[in-house]
Protein backbone atom coordinates (compact mmCIF):
# COMPACT_ATOMS: atom_id res chain seq x y z
CA UNK A 1 0.12 -0.14 -0.05
CA UNK A 2 1.54 3.13 -0.89
CA UNK A 3 1.53 6.08 1.72
CA UNK A 4 -0.92 8.80 2.13
CA UNK A 5 -0.07 12.05 0.25
CA UNK A 6 -0.57 15.53 1.80
CA UNK A 7 -0.11 18.79 0.21
CA UNK A 8 -0.47 22.58 0.85
CA UNK A 9 0.91 25.44 -0.96
CA UNK A 10 4.29 26.66 0.85
CA UNK A 11 5.88 29.54 -1.17
CA UNK A 12 2.47 31.33 -1.95
CA UNK A 13 1.29 30.70 1.45
CA UNK A 14 4.45 32.64 3.00
CA UNK A 15 4.05 35.39 0.19
CA UNK A 16 0.51 35.60 1.12
CA UNK A 17 1.08 36.15 4.76
CA UNK A 18 3.69 38.99 4.55
CA UNK A 19 1.64 40.88 1.85
CA UNK A 20 -1.34 40.28 4.39
CA UNK A 21 0.51 41.70 7.23
CA UNK A 22 2.13 44.64 5.22
CA UNK A 23 -1.65 45.22 4.06
CA UNK A 24 -3.09 45.37 7.35
CA UNK A 25 -0.28 47.51 8.91
CA UNK A 26 -0.31 50.02 6.01
CA UNK A 27 -4.08 50.39 6.32
CA UNK A 28 -4.12 50.88 10.34
CA UNK A 29 -1.11 53.60 9.65
CA UNK A 30 -3.51 55.47 7.28
CA UNK A 31 -6.19 55.16 9.78
CA UNK A 32 -4.07 56.69 12.48
CA UNK A 33 -2.34 59.28 10.67
CA UNK A 34 -5.11 60.58 8.33
CA UNK A 35 -6.70 62.98 10.79
CA UNK A 36 -3.35 64.87 11.27
CA UNK A 37 -2.47 65.12 7.48
CA UNK A 38 -5.63 66.45 5.94
CA UNK A 39 -8.14 69.46 6.41
CA UNK A 40 -10.95 67.23 5.98
CA UNK A 41 -12.51 66.24 9.03
CA UNK A 42 -11.71 62.52 9.90
CA UNK A 43 -13.86 60.88 12.86
CA UNK A 44 -13.08 57.90 15.00
CA UNK A 45 -15.94 56.15 12.77
CA UNK A 46 -13.99 56.82 9.66
CA UNK A 47 -10.65 55.36 11.18
CA UNK A 48 -12.35 52.16 12.51
CA UNK A 49 -13.96 52.13 8.90
CA UNK A 50 -10.29 52.22 7.30
CA UNK A 51 -8.73 50.03 9.75
CA UNK A 52 -11.66 47.39 9.11
CA UNK A 53 -11.27 47.75 5.36
CA UNK A 54 -7.60 46.68 5.88
CA UNK A 55 -8.59 43.86 7.86
CA UNK A 56 -11.09 42.63 5.38
CA UNK A 57 -8.30 42.73 2.57
CA UNK A 58 -5.64 41.05 4.62
CA UNK A 59 -8.09 38.06 5.37
CA UNK A 60 -8.90 38.00 1.73
CA UNK A 61 -5.43 37.48 0.78
CA UNK A 62 -4.84 34.80 3.55
CA UNK A 63 -7.45 32.94 1.42
CA UNK A 64 -4.42 32.09 -0.70
CA UNK A 65 -2.94 29.74 2.16
CA UNK A 66 -6.20 27.58 2.48
CA UNK A 67 -5.62 24.96 -0.49
CA UNK A 68 -4.89 21.73 0.78
CA UNK A 69 -4.87 18.04 -0.46
CA UNK A 70 -5.09 14.71 1.23
CA UNK A 71 -4.80 11.40 -0.99
CA UNK A 72 -4.84 7.74 0.01
CA UNK A 73 -6.03 4.47 -1.43
CA UNK A 74 -9.58 5.45 -1.49
CA UNK A 75 -9.35 8.61 -3.26
CA UNK A 76 -8.13 12.52 -3.28
CA UNK A 77 -9.68 15.26 -0.88
CA UNK A 78 -8.94 18.49 -2.42
CA UNK A 79 -9.67 22.09 -1.08
CA UNK A 80 -9.34 25.31 -2.89
CA UNK A 81 -9.31 28.80 -1.96
CA UNK A 82 -12.91 28.96 -0.61
CA UNK A 83 -15.43 26.13 0.45
CA UNK A 84 -14.87 22.93 1.91
CA UNK A 85 -13.25 19.75 0.75
CA UNK A 86 -14.31 17.77 -2.44
CA UNK A 87 -13.49 14.09 -2.44
CA UNK A 88 -12.82 12.19 -5.72
CA UNK A 89 -12.59 8.44 -5.70
CA UNK A 90 -9.59 7.00 -7.83
CA UNK A 91 -11.99 4.96 -9.96
CA UNK A 92 -13.13 8.24 -11.52
CA UNK A 93 -9.62 9.69 -12.35
CA UNK A 94 -8.56 9.06 -15.86
CA UNK A 95 -5.20 10.91 -15.37
CA UNK A 96 -3.27 12.93 -13.01
CA UNK A 97 -1.09 15.68 -14.80
CA UNK A 98 0.75 18.59 -14.45
CA UNK A 99 0.96 20.55 -17.82
CA UNK A 100 4.20 22.33 -18.36
CA UNK A 101 2.42 25.56 -18.54
CA UNK A 102 -0.09 25.26 -16.00
CA UNK A 103 0.52 26.81 -12.40
CA UNK A 104 -1.25 23.95 -10.87
CA UNK A 105 -1.55 19.91 -11.17
CA UNK A 106 -5.06 18.58 -11.89
CA UNK A 107 -6.87 15.59 -12.06
CA UNK A 108 -8.60 14.42 -15.39
CA UNK A 109 -12.01 12.96 -15.02
CA UNK A 110 -14.35 11.44 -17.76
CA UNK A 111 -15.59 13.73 -20.17
CA UNK A 112 -12.58 15.81 -19.90
CA UNK A 113 -13.76 17.39 -16.58
CA UNK A 114 -10.69 18.80 -14.61
CA UNK A 115 -10.55 18.97 -10.94
CA UNK A 116 -7.57 21.70 -10.21
CA UNK A 117 -5.26 20.94 -7.27
CA UNK A 118 -4.59 24.21 -6.06
CA UNK A 119 -2.33 22.69 -3.14
CA UNK A 120 0.16 21.58 -5.78
CA UNK A 121 1.82 24.52 -7.26
CA UNK A 122 4.40 25.05 -9.70
CA UNK A 123 6.38 27.37 -7.34
CA UNK A 124 6.71 24.76 -4.71
CA UNK A 125 9.27 23.03 -7.27
CA UNK A 126 10.68 20.05 -5.14
CA UNK A 127 7.84 19.50 -2.89
CA UNK A 128 5.17 19.61 -6.07
CA UNK A 129 7.69 16.84 -7.73
CA UNK A 130 7.35 14.61 -4.69
CA UNK A 131 3.52 14.99 -4.25
CA UNK A 132 3.08 14.43 -7.88
CA UNK A 133 5.12 11.23 -7.60
CA UNK A 134 3.18 10.19 -4.63
CA UNK A 135 -0.29 10.86 -6.35
CA UNK A 136 0.83 9.11 -9.74
CA UNK A 137 1.98 5.99 -7.44
CA UNK A 138 -1.72 6.06 -5.77
CA UNK A 139 -3.28 6.41 -9.16
CA UNK A 140 -1.40 3.45 -10.46
CA UNK A 141 -1.83 1.21 -7.42
CA UNK A 142 -5.64 1.71 -7.70
CA UNK A 143 -5.75 0.62 -11.21
CA UNK A 144 -6.75 -3.21 -11.61
CA UNK A 145 -3.42 -5.26 -12.79
């Protein structure tokens, strides 16, 4: 039996975390400094609104850290940027591929339907190669001899 495969984006998650923190700090600084730099009256409610907007934007950027993938002998559970996990049984999968010009790996289902695996990204290089080898091993093991 092939070992389970787990994946998540690493490089994109690090970048998203840093950018999210920078955006939040920038909005908070703007909220604090704005009343002292303009002749327009800026109330506390406006400052809270600016800070809240920064928080919403920062949380939106952090959505880039959510993709996950779990695969074992029964199938693949994959989660994208929004929503929950989607389970795909191995008997439905016709191919596991990572096209040379694509940013993400994908599963090919009957009728040329694609399931994009956002957790397996080109930017993660060696990690993505290891995950693809594991997925292809599971896919091959699920096929009758």
